[in-house]
Amino acid sequence: MSTSDKRKRCKTVQVRLSPTELEQATASAEAVGLSLSGYVRTLLLGRVTDGTQRRAAKDAQDLARLHAQLGKVGGNLNQLTKLANQGQLVPPSVLAACLAEVREVKTQIAEALSRDY
């Protein structure tokens, strides 16, 4: 039996949308992290069904990127703190670069939080 024979979803429903309506529906689906088909099916059936593909929402992707950046900065700060605790001199330029990274990530987080969706 082929993969397509095993599929449970073999029926289609056609809906005509204007370009604006399609754009709005696609944006709504992305906002909740679902494919367009999964989003429409959820609206029709009142629940997310088994096998519905979930997509990382744009916000989730941005937050994941910012999380990774914060992890790198945190690692750098940890190394610098370790050196300072061992009595080694930490060059001011290295501290300034690390602080600049923290400020940049902080700015990006503020921008992400202030977006008007």
PDB file of N, CA and C in Angstrom:
ATOM      1  N   MET A   1       0.844  -1.170   0.000  1.00  0.00           N
ATOM      2  CA  MET A   1       0.000   0.000   0.000  1.00  0.00           C
ATOM      3  C   MET A   1       0.895   1.240   0.000  1.00  0.00           C
ATOM      4  N   SER A   2       0.646   2.179  -0.885  1.00  0.00           N
ATOM      5  CA  SER A   2       1.474   3.379  -0.972  1.00  0.00           C
ATOM      6  C   SER A   2       1.086   4.372   0.114  1.00  0.00           C
ATOM      7  N   THR A   3       1.931   5.370   0.285  1.00  0.00           N
ATOM      8  CA  THR A   3       1.683   6.384   1.308  1.00  0.00           C
ATOM      9  C   THR A   3       0.367   7.102   1.058  1.00  0.00           C
ATOM     10  N   SER A   4       0.086   7.419  -0.221  1.00  0.00           N
ATOM     11  CA  SER A   4      -1.148   8.134  -0.524  1.00  0.00           C
ATOM     12  C   SER A   4      -2.377   7.273  -0.250  1.00  0.00           C
ATOM     13  N   ASP A   5      -2.254   5.939  -0.379  1.00  0.00           N
ATOM     14  CA  ASP A   5      -3.373   5.046  -0.075  1.00  0.00           C
ATOM     15  C   ASP A   5      -3.656   5.007   1.421  1.00  0.00           C
ATOM     16  N   LYS A   6      -2.644   5.272   2.225  1.00  0.00           N
ATOM     17  CA  LYS A   6      -2.784   5.211   3.670  1.00  0.00           C
ATOM     18  C   LYS A   6      -3.346   6.514   4.247  1.00  0.00           C
ATOM     19  N   ARG A   7      -3.352   7.559   3.465  1.00  0.00           N
ATOM     20  CA  ARG A   7      -3.793   8.849   3.969  1.00  0.00           C
ATOM     21  C   ARG A   7      -5.249   8.792   4.400  1.00  0.00           C
ATOM     22  N   LYS A   8      -5.515   9.397   5.541  1.00  0.00           N
ATOM     23  CA  LYS A   8      -6.881   9.454   6.032  1.00  0.00           C
ATOM     24  C   LYS A   8      -7.637  10.608   5.378  1.00  0.00           C
ATOM     25  N   ARG A   9      -6.907  11.650   5.054  1.00  0.00           N
ATOM     26  CA  ARG A   9      -7.530  12.835   4.465  1.00  0.00           C
ATOM     27  C   ARG A   9      -7.407  12.756   2.945  1.00  0.00           C
ATOM     28  N   CYS A  10      -8.444  12.291   2.320  1.00  0.00           N
ATOM     29  CA  CYS A  10      -8.399  12.144   0.866  1.00  0.00           C
ATOM     30  C   CYS A  10      -9.484  12.973   0.183  1.00  0.00           C
ATOM     31  N   LYS A  11     -10.311  13.638   0.936  1.00  0.00           N
ATOM     32  CA  LYS A  11     -11.379  14.462   0.382  1.00  0.00           C
ATOM     33  C   LYS A  11     -10.980  15.927   0.462  1.00  0.00           C
ATOM     34  N   THR A  12     -11.432  16.703  -0.509  1.00  0.00           N
ATOM     35  CA  THR A  12     -11.108  18.126  -0.520  1.00  0.00           C
ATOM     36  C   THR A  12     -12.382  18.955  -0.506  1.00  0.00           C
ATOM     37  N   VAL A  13     -12.253  20.141   0.032  1.00  0.00           N
ATOM     38  CA  VAL A  13     -13.319  21.128   0.026  1.00  0.00           C
ATOM     39  C   VAL A  13     -12.727  22.366  -0.618  1.00  0.00           C
ATOM     40  N   GLN A  14     -13.401  22.866  -1.631  1.00  0.00           N
ATOM     41  CA  GLN A  14     -12.891  24.056  -2.302  1.00  0.00           C
ATOM     42  C   GLN A  14     -13.608  25.290  -1.772  1.00  0.00           C
ATOM     43  N   VAL A  15     -12.844  26.328  -1.557  1.00  0.00           N
ATOM     44  CA  VAL A  15     -13.385  27.599  -1.102  1.00  0.00           C
ATOM     45  C   VAL A  15     -12.784  28.678  -1.973  1.00  0.00           C
ATOM     46  N   ARG A  16     -13.588  29.549  -2.467  1.00  0.00           N
ATOM     47  CA  ARG A  16     -13.082  30.664  -3.280  1.00  0.00           C
ATOM     48  C   ARG A  16     -12.864  31.875  -2.383  1.00  0.00           C
ATOM     49  N   LEU A  17     -11.686  32.449  -2.493  1.00  0.00           N
ATOM     50  CA  LEU A  17     -11.327  33.616  -1.707  1.00  0.00           C
ATOM     51  C   LEU A  17     -10.769  34.693  -2.612  1.00  0.00           C
ATOM     52  N   SER A  18     -10.971  35.929  -2.221  1.00  0.00           N
ATOM     53  CA  SER A  18     -10.315  37.026  -2.930  1.00  0.00           C
ATOM     54  C   SER A  18      -8.846  37.015  -2.515  1.00  0.00           C
ATOM     55  N   PRO A  19      -7.991  37.678  -3.270  1.00  0.00           N
ATOM     56  CA  PRO A  19      -6.585  37.745  -2.864  1.00  0.00           C
ATOM     57  C   PRO A  19      -6.408  38.310  -1.450  1.00  0.00           C
ATOM     58  N   THR A  20      -7.219  39.287  -1.091  1.00  0.00           N
ATOM     59  CA  THR A  20      -7.135  39.881   0.245  1.00  0.00           C
ATOM     60  C   THR A  20      -7.563  38.880   1.305  1.00  0.00           C
ATOM     61  N   GLU A  21      -8.635  38.140   1.041  1.00  0.00           N
ATOM     62  CA  GLU A  21      -9.111  37.144   1.991  1.00  0.00           C
ATOM     63  C   GLU A  21      -8.069  36.032   2.184  1.00  0.00           C
ATOM     64  N   LEU A  22      -7.451  35.604   1.086  1.00  0.00           N
ATOM     65  CA  LEU A  22      -6.420  34.567   1.176  1.00  0.00           C
ATOM     66  C   LEU A  22      -5.234  35.064   1.994  1.00  0.00           C
ATOM     67  N   GLU A  23      -4.867  36.306   1.768  1.00  0.00           N
ATOM     68  CA  GLU A  23      -3.753  36.899   2.522  1.00  0.00           C
ATOM     69  C   GLU A  23      -4.084  36.947   4.013  1.00  0.00           C
ATOM     70  N   GLN A  24      -5.310  37.339   4.340  1.00  0.00           N
ATOM     71  CA  GLN A  24      -5.724  37.402   5.745  1.00  0.00           C
ATOM     72  C   GLN A  24      -5.760  36.008   6.370  1.00  0.00           C
ATOM     73  N   ALA A  25      -6.279  35.037   5.638  1.00  0.00           N
ATOM     74  CA  ALA A  25      -6.364  33.669   6.154  1.00  0.00           C
ATOM     75  C   ALA A  25      -4.972  33.092   6.365  1.00  0.00           C
ATOM     76  N   THR A  26      -4.077  33.325   5.425  1.00  0.00           N
ATOM     77  CA  THR A  26      -2.704  32.831   5.545  1.00  0.00           C
ATOM     78  C   THR A  26      -2.004  33.469   6.744  1.00  0.00           C
ATOM     79  N   ALA A  27      -2.198  34.771   6.922  1.00  0.00           N
ATOM     80  CA  ALA A  27      -1.593  35.471   8.062  1.00  0.00           C
ATOM     81  C   ALA A  27      -2.151  34.945   9.377  1.00  0.00           C
ATOM     82  N   SER A  28      -3.447  34.679   9.426  1.00  0.00           N
ATOM     83  CA  SER A  28      -4.064  34.140  10.644  1.00  0.00           C
ATOM     84  C   SER A  28      -3.519  32.752  10.957  1.00  0.00           C
ATOM     85  N   ALA A  29      -3.353  31.926   9.921  1.00  0.00           N
ATOM     86  CA  ALA A  29      -2.810  30.580  10.112  1.00  0.00           C
ATOM     87  C   ALA A  29      -1.377  30.657  10.636  1.00  0.00           C
ATOM     88  N   GLU A  30      -0.572  31.522  10.053  1.00  0.00           N
ATOM     89  CA  GLU A  30       0.816  31.678  10.498  1.00  0.00           C
ATOM     90  C   GLU A  30       0.881  32.175  11.936  1.00  0.00           C
ATOM     91  N   ALA A  31      -0.052  33.066  12.293  1.00  0.00           N
ATOM     92  CA  ALA A  31      -0.046  33.641  13.638  1.00  0.00           C
ATOM     93  C   ALA A  31      -0.271  32.586  14.721  1.00  0.00           C
ATOM     94  N   VAL A  32      -1.015  31.536  14.387  1.00  0.00           N
ATOM     95  CA  VAL A  32      -1.266  30.482  15.375  1.00  0.00           C
ATOM     96  C   VAL A  32      -0.403  29.253  15.121  1.00  0.00           C
ATOM     97  N   GLY A  33       0.482  29.333  14.132  1.00  0.00           N
ATOM     98  CA  GLY A  33       1.438  28.260  13.902  1.00  0.00           C
ATOM     99  C   GLY A  33       0.878  27.045  13.198  1.00  0.00           C
ATOM    100  N   LEU A  34      -0.123  27.247  12.339  1.00  0.00           N
ATOM    101  CA  LEU A  34      -0.705  26.128  11.598  1.00  0.00           C
ATOM    102  C   LEU A  34      -0.559  26.352  10.103  1.00  0.00           C
ATOM    103  N   SER A  35      -0.589  25.248   9.365  1.00  0.00           N
ATOM    104  CA  SER A  35      -0.665  25.359   7.914  1.00  0.00           C
ATOM    105  C   SER A  35      -2.047  25.936   7.590  1.00  0.00           C
ATOM    106  N   LEU A  36      -2.215  26.437   6.386  1.00  0.00           N
ATOM    107  CA  LEU A  36      -3.514  26.993   6.007  1.00  0.00           C
ATOM    108  C   LEU A  36      -4.595  25.921   6.075  1.00  0.00           C
ATOM    109  N   SER A  37      -4.295  24.721   5.582  1.00  0.00           N
ATOM    110  CA  SER A  37      -5.270  23.617   5.636  1.00  0.00           C
ATOM    111  C   SER A  37      -5.621  23.278   7.083  1.00  0.00           C
ATOM    112  N   GLY A  38      -4.614  23.188   7.922  1.00  0.00           N
ATOM    113  CA  GLY A  38      -4.843  22.876   9.329  1.00  0.00           C
ATOM    114  C   GLY A  38      -5.656  23.947  10.025  1.00  0.00           C
ATOM    115  N   TYR A  39      -5.396  25.194   9.670  1.00  0.00           N
ATOM    116  CA  TYR A  39      -6.129  26.311  10.262  1.00  0.00           C
ATOM    117  C   TYR A  39      -7.606  26.258   9.871  1.00  0.00           C
ATOM    118  N   VAL A  40      -7.869  26.054   8.581  1.00  0.00           N
ATOM    119  CA  VAL A  40      -9.252  25.987   8.103  1.00  0.00           C
ATOM    120  C   VAL A  40      -9.964  24.793   8.729  1.00  0.00           C
ATOM    121  N   ARG A  41      -9.284  23.652   8.783  1.00  0.00           N
ATOM    122  CA  ARG A  41      -9.874  22.459   9.387  1.00  0.00           C
ATOM    123  C   ARG A  41     -10.210  22.708  10.865  1.00  0.00           C
ATOM    124  N   THR A  42      -9.327  23.418  11.567  1.00  0.00           N
ATOM    125  CA  THR A  42      -9.566  23.750  12.967  1.00  0.00           C
ATOM    126  C   THR A  42     -10.787  24.647  13.114  1.00  0.00           C
ATOM    127  N   LEU A  43     -10.924  25.617  12.224  1.00  0.00           N
ATOM    128  CA  LEU A  43     -12.092  26.496  12.277  1.00  0.00           C
ATOM    129  C   LEU A  43     -13.379  25.723  11.989  1.00  0.00           C
ATOM    130  N   LEU A  44     -13.328  24.818  11.014  1.00  0.00           N
ATOM    131  CA  LEU A  44     -14.518  24.046  10.644  1.00  0.00           C
ATOM    132  C   LEU A  44     -14.933  23.057  11.729  1.00  0.00           C
ATOM    133  N   LEU A  45     -13.949  22.402  12.336  1.00  0.00           N
ATOM    134  CA  LEU A  45     -14.244  21.329  13.288  1.00  0.00           C
ATOM    135  C   LEU A  45     -14.202  21.769  14.749  1.00  0.00           C
ATOM    136  N   GLY A  46     -13.696  22.965  14.987  1.00  0.00           N
ATOM    137  CA  GLY A  46     -13.675  23.483  16.344  1.00  0.00           C
ATOM    138  C   GLY A  46     -12.552  22.963  17.214  1.00  0.00           C
ATOM    139  N   ARG A  47     -11.583  22.269  16.625  1.00  0.00           N
ATOM    140  CA  ARG A  47     -10.447  21.748  17.393  1.00  0.00           C
ATOM    141  C   ARG A  47      -9.303  21.435  16.428  1.00  0.00           C
ATOM    142  N   VAL A  48      -8.100  21.390  16.966  1.00  0.00           N
ATOM    143  CA  VAL A  48      -6.950  20.969  16.174  1.00  0.00           C
ATOM    144  C   VAL A  48      -7.020  19.451  16.074  1.00  0.00           C
ATOM    145  N   THR A  49      -7.015  18.935  14.867  1.00  0.00           N
ATOM    146  CA  THR A  49      -7.174  17.500  14.654  1.00  0.00           C
ATOM    147  C   THR A  49      -5.830  16.779  14.644  1.00  0.00           C
ATOM    148  N   ASP A  50      -5.870  15.470  14.872  1.00  0.00           N
ATOM    149  CA  ASP A  50      -4.656  14.656  14.833  1.00  0.00           C
ATOM    150  C   ASP A  50      -3.999  14.787  13.469  1.00  0.00           C
ATOM    151  N   GLY A  51      -2.696  14.895  13.472  1.00  0.00           N
ATOM    152  CA  GLY A  51      -1.954  14.965  12.221  1.00  0.00           C
ATOM    153  C   GLY A  51      -1.864  16.346  11.616  1.00  0.00           C
ATOM    154  N   THR A  52      -2.481  17.334  12.256  1.00  0.00           N
ATOM    155  CA  THR A  52      -2.400  18.698  11.739  1.00  0.00           C
ATOM    156  C   THR A  52      -0.975  19.189  11.889  1.00  0.00           C
ATOM    157  N   GLN A  53      -0.433  19.691  10.802  1.00  0.00           N
ATOM    158  CA  GLN A  53       0.949  20.175  10.832  1.00  0.00           C
ATOM    159  C   GLN A  53       1.008  21.517  11.537  1.00  0.00           C
ATOM    160  N   ARG A  54       1.889  21.584  12.494  1.00  0.00           N
ATOM    161  CA  ARG A  54       2.113  22.846  13.196  1.00  0.00           C
ATOM    162  C   ARG A  54       3.380  23.483  12.646  1.00  0.00           C
ATOM    163  N   ARG A  55       3.321  24.753  12.486  1.00  0.00           N
ATOM    164  CA  ARG A  55       4.482  25.504  12.006  1.00  0.00           C
ATOM    165  C   ARG A  55       4.886  26.480  13.086  1.00  0.00           C
ATOM    166  N   ALA A  56       6.161  26.723  13.143  1.00  0.00           N
ATOM    167  CA  ALA A  56       6.642  27.728  14.087  1.00  0.00           C
ATOM    168  C   ALA A  56       6.160  29.091  13.614  1.00  0.00           C
ATOM    169  N   ALA A  57       5.435  29.781  14.463  1.00  0.00           N
ATOM    170  CA  ALA A  57       4.965  31.111  14.122  1.00  0.00           C
ATOM    171  C   ALA A  57       6.161  32.033  13.969  1.00  0.00           C
ATOM    172  N   LYS A  58       5.978  33.095  13.215  1.00  0.00           N
ATOM    173  CA  LYS A  58       7.059  34.055  12.993  1.00  0.00           C
ATOM    174  C   LYS A  58       7.605  34.546  14.327  1.00  0.00           C
ATOM    175  N   ASP A  59       6.714  34.821  15.268  1.00  0.00           N
ATOM    176  CA  ASP A  59       7.161  35.258  16.587  1.00  0.00           C
ATOM    177  C   ASP A  59       8.046  34.212  17.237  1.00  0.00           C
ATOM    178  N   ALA A  60       7.654  32.947  17.110  1.00  0.00           N
ATOM    179  CA  ALA A  60       8.432  31.872  17.729  1.00  0.00           C
ATOM    180  C   ALA A  60       9.817  31.788  17.100  1.00  0.00           C
ATOM    181  N   GLN A  61       9.894  31.993  15.797  1.00  0.00           N
ATOM    182  CA  GLN A  61      11.183  31.959  15.118  1.00  0.00           C
ATOM    183  C   GLN A  61      12.063  33.113  15.595  1.00  0.00           C
ATOM    184  N   ASP A  62      11.468  34.300  15.713  1.00  0.00           N
ATOM    185  CA  ASP A  62      12.218  35.462  16.194  1.00  0.00           C
ATOM    186  C   ASP A  62      12.695  35.238  17.630  1.00  0.00           C
ATOM    187  N   LEU A  63      11.806  34.704  18.459  1.00  0.00           N
ATOM    188  CA  LEU A  63      12.173  34.461  19.854  1.00  0.00           C
ATOM    189  C   LEU A  63      13.255  33.398  19.971  1.00  0.00           C
ATOM    190  N   ALA A  64      13.191  32.379  19.123  1.00  0.00           N
ATOM    191  CA  ALA A  64      14.221  31.343  19.139  1.00  0.00           C
ATOM    192  C   ALA A  64      15.584  31.931  18.752  1.00  0.00           C
ATOM    193  N   ARG A  65      15.579  32.815  17.764  1.00  0.00           N
ATOM    194  CA  ARG A  65      16.828  33.468  17.339  1.00  0.00           C
ATOM    195  C   ARG A  65      17.383  34.342  18.464  1.00  0.00           C
ATOM    196  N   LEU A  66      16.504  35.104  19.113  1.00  0.00           N
ATOM    197  CA  LEU A  66      16.941  35.957  20.210  1.00  0.00           C
ATOM    198  C   LEU A  66      17.429  35.120  21.396  1.00  0.00           C
ATOM    199  N   HIS A  67      16.757  34.007  21.637  1.00  0.00           N
ATOM    200  CA  HIS A  67      17.165  33.098  22.717  1.00  0.00           C
ATOM    201  C   HIS A  67      18.576  32.577  22.463  1.00  0.00           C
ATOM    202  N   ALA A  68      18.857  32.216  21.219  1.00  0.00           N
ATOM    203  CA  ALA A  68      20.197  31.727  20.865  1.00  0.00           C
ATOM    204  C   ALA A  68      21.239  32.826  21.069  1.00  0.00           C
ATOM    205  N   GLN A  69      20.904  34.047  20.671  1.00  0.00           N
ATOM    206  CA  GLN A  69      21.838  35.157  20.857  1.00  0.00           C
ATOM    207  C   GLN A  69      22.111  35.397  22.340  1.00  0.00           C
ATOM    208  N   LEU A  70      21.058  35.337  23.143  1.00  0.00           N
ATOM    209  CA  LEU A  70      21.243  35.527  24.583  1.00  0.00           C
ATOM    210  C   LEU A  70      22.116  34.428  25.175  1.00  0.00           C
ATOM    211  N   GLY A  71      21.958  33.214  24.676  1.00  0.00           N
ATOM    212  CA  GLY A  71      22.795  32.109  25.143  1.00  0.00           C
ATOM    213  C   GLY A  71      24.265  32.360  24.865  1.00  0.00           C
ATOM    214  N   LYS A  72      24.553  32.876  23.682  1.00  0.00           N
ATOM    215  CA  LYS A  72      25.948  33.176  23.326  1.00  0.00           C
ATOM    216  C   LYS A  72      26.512  34.279  24.209  1.00  0.00           C
ATOM    217  N   VAL A  73      25.716  35.325  24.392  1.00  0.00           N
ATOM    218  CA  VAL A  73      26.167  36.437  25.238  1.00  0.00           C
ATOM    219  C   VAL A  73      26.366  35.955  26.669  1.00  0.00           C
ATOM    220  N   GLY A  74      25.444  35.128  27.160  1.00  0.00           N
ATOM    221  CA  GLY A  74      25.573  34.586  28.513  1.00  0.00           C
ATOM    222  C   GLY A  74      26.838  33.764  28.668  1.00  0.00           C
ATOM    223  N   GLY A  75      27.166  32.982  27.660  1.00  0.00           N
ATOM    224  CA  GLY A  75      28.402  32.199  27.688  1.00  0.00           C
ATOM    225  C   GLY A  75      29.624  33.090  27.750  1.00  0.00           C
ATOM    226  N   ASN A  76      29.596  34.157  26.960  1.00  0.00           N
ATOM    227  CA  ASN A  76      30.713  35.110  26.979  1.00  0.00           C
ATOM    228  C   ASN A  76      30.855  35.762  28.355  1.00  0.00           C
ATOM    229  N   LEU A  77      29.724  36.183  28.914  1.00  0.00           N
ATOM    230  CA  LEU A  77      29.761  36.810  30.239  1.00  0.00           C
ATOM    231  C   LEU A  77      30.279  35.843  31.297  1.00  0.00           C
ATOM    232  N   ASN A  78      29.883  34.586  31.192  1.00  0.00           N
ATOM    233  CA  ASN A  78      30.339  33.572  32.139  1.00  0.00           C
ATOM    234  C   ASN A  78      31.860  33.406  32.064  1.00  0.00           C
ATOM    235  N   GLN A  79      32.389  33.368  30.857  1.00  0.00           N
ATOM    236  CA  GLN A  79      33.846  33.229  30.685  1.00  0.00           C
ATOM    237  C   GLN A  79      34.587  34.440  31.235  1.00  0.00           C
ATOM    238  N   LEU A  80      34.031  35.627  30.980  1.00  0.00           N
ATOM    239  CA  LEU A  80      34.677  36.843  31.470  1.00  0.00           C
ATOM    240  C   LEU A  80      34.640  36.905  32.993  1.00  0.00           C
ATOM    241  N   THR A  81      33.537  36.494  33.579  1.00  0.00           N
ATOM    242  CA  THR A  81      33.410  36.469  35.037  1.00  0.00           C
ATOM    243  C   THR A  81      34.406  35.487  35.646  1.00  0.00           C
ATOM    244  N   LYS A  82      34.549  34.353  34.999  1.00  0.00           N
ATOM    245  CA  LYS A  82      35.495  33.333  35.478  1.00  0.00           C
ATOM    246  C   LYS A  82      36.923  33.897  35.476  1.00  0.00           C
ATOM    247  N   LEU A  83      37.295  34.570  34.385  1.00  0.00           N
ATOM    248  CA  LEU A  83      38.630  35.171  34.307  1.00  0.00           C
ATOM    249  C   LEU A  83      38.836  36.216  35.403  1.00  0.00           C
ATOM    250  N   ALA A  84      37.820  37.053  35.584  1.00  0.00           N
ATOM    251  CA  ALA A  84      37.931  38.109  36.596  1.00  0.00           C
ATOM    252  C   ALA A  84      38.058  37.504  37.996  1.00  0.00           C
ATOM    253  N   ASN A  85      37.312  36.424  38.257  1.00  0.00           N
ATOM    254  CA  ASN A  85      37.390  35.774  39.569  1.00  0.00           C
ATOM    255  C   ASN A  85      38.740  35.101  39.802  1.00  0.00           C
ATOM    256  N   GLN A  86      39.438  34.759  38.734  1.00  0.00           N
ATOM    257  CA  GLN A  86      40.769  34.162  38.844  1.00  0.00           C
ATOM    258  C   GLN A  86      41.854  35.234  38.933  1.00  0.00           C
ATOM    259  N   GLY A  87      41.419  36.499  38.950  1.00  0.00           N
ATOM    260  CA  GLY A  87      42.364  37.599  39.082  1.00  0.00           C
ATOM    261  C   GLY A  87      42.995  38.023  37.770  1.00  0.00           C
ATOM    262  N   GLN A  88      42.502  37.510  36.659  1.00  0.00           N
ATOM    263  CA  GLN A  88      43.051  37.897  35.361  1.00  0.00           C
ATOM    264  C   GLN A  88      42.379  39.181  34.887  1.00  0.00           C
ATOM    265  N   LEU A  89      43.148  39.961  34.164  1.00  0.00           N
ATOM    266  CA  LEU A  89      42.638  41.219  33.626  1.00  0.00           C
ATOM    267  C   LEU A  89      41.761  40.945  32.415  1.00  0.00           C
ATOM    268  N   VAL A  90      40.567  41.513  32.444  1.00  0.00           N
ATOM    269  CA  VAL A  90      39.659  41.406  31.297  1.00  0.00           C
ATOM    270  C   VAL A  90      39.724  42.746  30.573  1.00  0.00           C
ATOM    271  N   PRO A  91      40.171  42.735  29.320  1.00  0.00           N
ATOM    272  CA  PRO A  91      40.311  43.989  28.587  1.00  0.00           C
ATOM    273  C   PRO A  91      38.989  44.753  28.492  1.00  0.00           C
ATOM    274  N   PRO A  92      39.029  46.055  28.723  1.00  0.00           N
ATOM    275  CA  PRO A  92      37.806  46.869  28.634  1.00  0.00           C
ATOM    276  C   PRO A  92      37.110  46.747  27.277  1.00  0.00           C
ATOM    277  N   SER A  93      37.880  46.552  26.213  1.00  0.00           N
ATOM    278  CA  SER A  93      37.270  46.444  24.884  1.00  0.00           C
ATOM    279  C   SER A  93      36.404  45.190  24.776  1.00  0.00           C
ATOM    280  N   VAL A  94      36.825  44.113  25.440  1.00  0.00           N
ATOM    281  CA  VAL A  94      36.050  42.868  25.438  1.00  0.00           C
ATOM    282  C   VAL A  94      34.763  43.064  26.227  1.00  0.00           C
ATOM    283  N   LEU A  95      34.865  43.735  27.370  1.00  0.00           N
ATOM    284  CA  LEU A  95      33.675  44.019  28.167  1.00  0.00           C
ATOM    285  C   LEU A  95      32.710  44.921  27.399  1.00  0.00           C
ATOM    286  N   ALA A  96      33.244  45.925  26.711  1.00  0.00           N
ATOM    287  CA  ALA A  96      32.409  46.847  25.942  1.00  0.00           C
ATOM    288  C   ALA A  96      31.687  46.110  24.807  1.00  0.00           C
ATOM    289  N   ALA A  97      32.384  45.179  24.154  1.00  0.00           N
ATOM    290  CA  ALA A  97      31.764  44.409  23.065  1.00  0.00           C
ATOM    291  C   ALA A  97      30.640  43.526  23.596  1.00  0.00           C
ATOM    292  N   CYS A  98      30.865  42.934  24.745  1.00  0.00           N
ATOM    293  CA  CYS A  98      29.847  42.066  25.353  1.00  0.00           C
ATOM    294  C   CYS A  98      28.629  42.900  25.762  1.00  0.00           C
ATOM    295  N   LEU A  99      28.876  44.062  26.345  1.00  0.00           N
ATOM    296  CA  LEU A  99      27.791  44.952  26.733  1.00  0.00           C
ATOM    297  C   LEU A  99      27.013  45.424  25.501  1.00  0.00           C
ATOM    298  N   ALA A 100      27.710  45.701  24.403  1.00  0.00           N
ATOM    299  CA  ALA A 100      27.043  46.109  23.168  1.00  0.00           C
ATOM    300  C   ALA A 100      26.122  44.992  22.650  1.00  0.00           C
ATOM    301  N   GLU A 101      26.566  43.738  22.775  1.00  0.00           N
ATOM    302  CA  GLU A 101      25.736  42.604  22.358  1.00  0.00           C
ATOM    303  C   GLU A 101      24.475  42.528  23.209  1.00  0.00           C
ATOM    304  N   VAL A 102      24.625  42.722  24.515  1.00  0.00           N
ATOM    305  CA  VAL A 102      23.472  42.688  25.418  1.00  0.00           C
ATOM    306  C   VAL A 102      22.483  43.783  25.038  1.00  0.00           C
ATOM    307  N   ARG A 103      22.985  44.970  24.774  1.00  0.00           N
ATOM    308  CA  ARG A 103      22.105  46.087  24.392  1.00  0.00           C
ATOM    309  C   ARG A 103      21.401  45.815  23.070  1.00  0.00           C
ATOM    310  N   GLU A 104      22.110  45.205  22.120  1.00  0.00           N
ATOM    311  CA  GLU A 104      21.510  44.895  20.818  1.00  0.00           C
ATOM    312  C   GLU A 104      20.379  43.881  20.964  1.00  0.00           C
ATOM    313  N   VAL A 105      20.606  42.847  21.729  1.00  0.00           N
ATOM    314  CA  VAL A 105      19.561  41.837  21.942  1.00  0.00           C
ATOM    315  C   VAL A 105      18.380  42.465  22.677  1.00  0.00           C
ATOM    316  N   LYS A 106      18.661  43.320  23.643  1.00  0.00           N
ATOM    317  CA  LYS A 106      17.595  44.006  24.382  1.00  0.00           C
ATOM    318  C   LYS A 106      16.749  44.851  23.426  1.00  0.00           C
ATOM    319  N   THR A 107      17.382  45.549  22.513  1.00  0.00           N
ATOM    320  CA  THR A 107      16.668  46.357  21.525  1.00  0.00           C
ATOM    321  C   THR A 107      15.810  45.476  20.625  1.00  0.00           C
ATOM    322  N   GLN A 108      16.359  44.357  20.185  1.00  0.00           N
ATOM    323  CA  GLN A 108      15.600  43.445  19.322  1.00  0.00           C
ATOM    324  C   GLN A 108      14.390  42.867  20.045  1.00  0.00           C
ATOM    325  N   ILE A 109      14.539  42.555  21.314  1.00  0.00           N
ATOM    326  CA  ILE A 109      13.420  42.027  22.091  1.00  0.00           C
ATOM    327  C   ILE A 109      12.339  43.109  22.243  1.00  0.00           C
ATOM    328  N   ALA A 110      12.751  44.334  22.517  1.00  0.00           N
ATOM    329  CA  ALA A 110      11.790  45.434  22.650  1.00  0.00           C
ATOM    330  C   ALA A 110      11.029  45.644  21.341  1.00  0.00           C
ATOM    331  N   GLU A 111      11.738  45.543  20.216  1.00  0.00           N
ATOM    332  CA  GLU A 111      11.087  45.705  18.918  1.00  0.00           C
ATOM    333  C   GLU A 111      10.095  44.565  18.659  1.00  0.00           C
ATOM    334  N   ALA A 112      10.497  43.342  19.012  1.00  0.00           N
ATOM    335  CA  ALA A 112       9.609  42.201  18.813  1.00  0.00           C
ATOM    336  C   ALA A 112       8.350  42.328  19.666  1.00  0.00           C
ATOM    337  N   LEU A 113       8.490  42.828  20.870  1.00  0.00           N
ATOM    338  CA  LEU A 113       7.345  42.969  21.765  1.00  0.00           C
ATOM    339  C   LEU A 113       6.423  44.115  21.370  1.00  0.00           C
ATOM    340  N   SER A 114       6.945  45.097  20.660  1.00  0.00           N
ATOM    341  CA  SER A 114       6.127  46.263  20.315  1.00  0.00           C
ATOM    342  C   SER A 114       5.498  46.169  18.929  1.00  0.00           C
ATOM    343  N   ARG A 115       5.695  45.053  18.224  1.00  0.00           N
ATOM    344  CA  ARG A 115       5.107  44.904  16.892  1.00  0.00           C
ATOM    345  C   ARG A 115       3.593  44.931  16.980  1.00  0.00           C
ATOM    346  N   ASP A 116       2.990  45.557  15.996  1.00  0.00           N
ATOM    347  CA  ASP A 116       1.534  45.642  15.940  1.00  0.00           C
ATOM    348  C   ASP A 116       1.039  44.567  14.976  1.00  0.00           C
ATOM    349  N   TYR A 117       0.425  43.510  15.515  1.00  0.00           N
ATOM    350  CA  TYR A 117      -0.064  42.418  14.665  1.00  0.00           C
ATOM    351  C   TYR A 117      -1.531  42.562  14.424  1.00  0.00           C
TER     352      TYR A 117
END
